[in-house]
Amino acid sequence: MRKFVGKPVDEKDIRTVLEAGTWAPSAHNAQPWRFAVVRTDEKKRQLADEMGVKWRRDLMGDGVPAQRIDDMLRESKDRIIDAPAIIILSITMSDMDSYPDERRQELERVMAVQSAAACAQNVLLMAHAIGLGGAWLCAPLFASEKVKKALGLNPDWSPVAMIALGVPRERPRPPPRKPVDEVTVWT
């Protein structure tokens, strides 16, 4: 869901979807997810602007034409500002296991991200169950420091996803899915 009715999302409903997120399975039951809920236009604009600075730099480095960059950034900014609520999903490594070697420490981080992904799925399922719509966006992965700066997040938090949340303006058809047999090997 990327298009929402302009009405605000009730705090009670936001708490309901966040509570569902906290019931997701997590590595070591560490529950490494952290949430920042953004509802004011000023903060949503600040978030979009900060992320846009990083994205513009990346797109310029990719050789994307300036006009195309402007269009992409405008569309992204509108998507963020038009959503009644934005949930920034972050991870923290504070309760995850710590290892002396880089390989296992990186795998521990992967487990924290996997845990956050399960959390995001629960958030989206509960949003749907109570009549809200949501869009899972991974843009914060590419602009983590900008997200933290815009929202004043704890330095220990690493933003990994954004969920735009609101009352859906429409119910689009689900995008096609690959058949199970195309993505499965039986041994």
Foldseek 3Di string as FASTA:
>chain_A
DQAFDQDADDPVLLVQLLVLLQPFDAVVNLSFKDKDKDADLVLLLQLLVLLLVLVLVVVVVVVDDPVVSVVVSVVSSCSSSSQRMKIFIWGFCPRFDDDPDPVVRVVSVVRRVVSSVRSVVSSQVSCVVVQKHKDKAQSCQSRQVSNCVSRVDDPRIGGGIMIRMHHHPDDDDDDDDDDPVVVDDDD
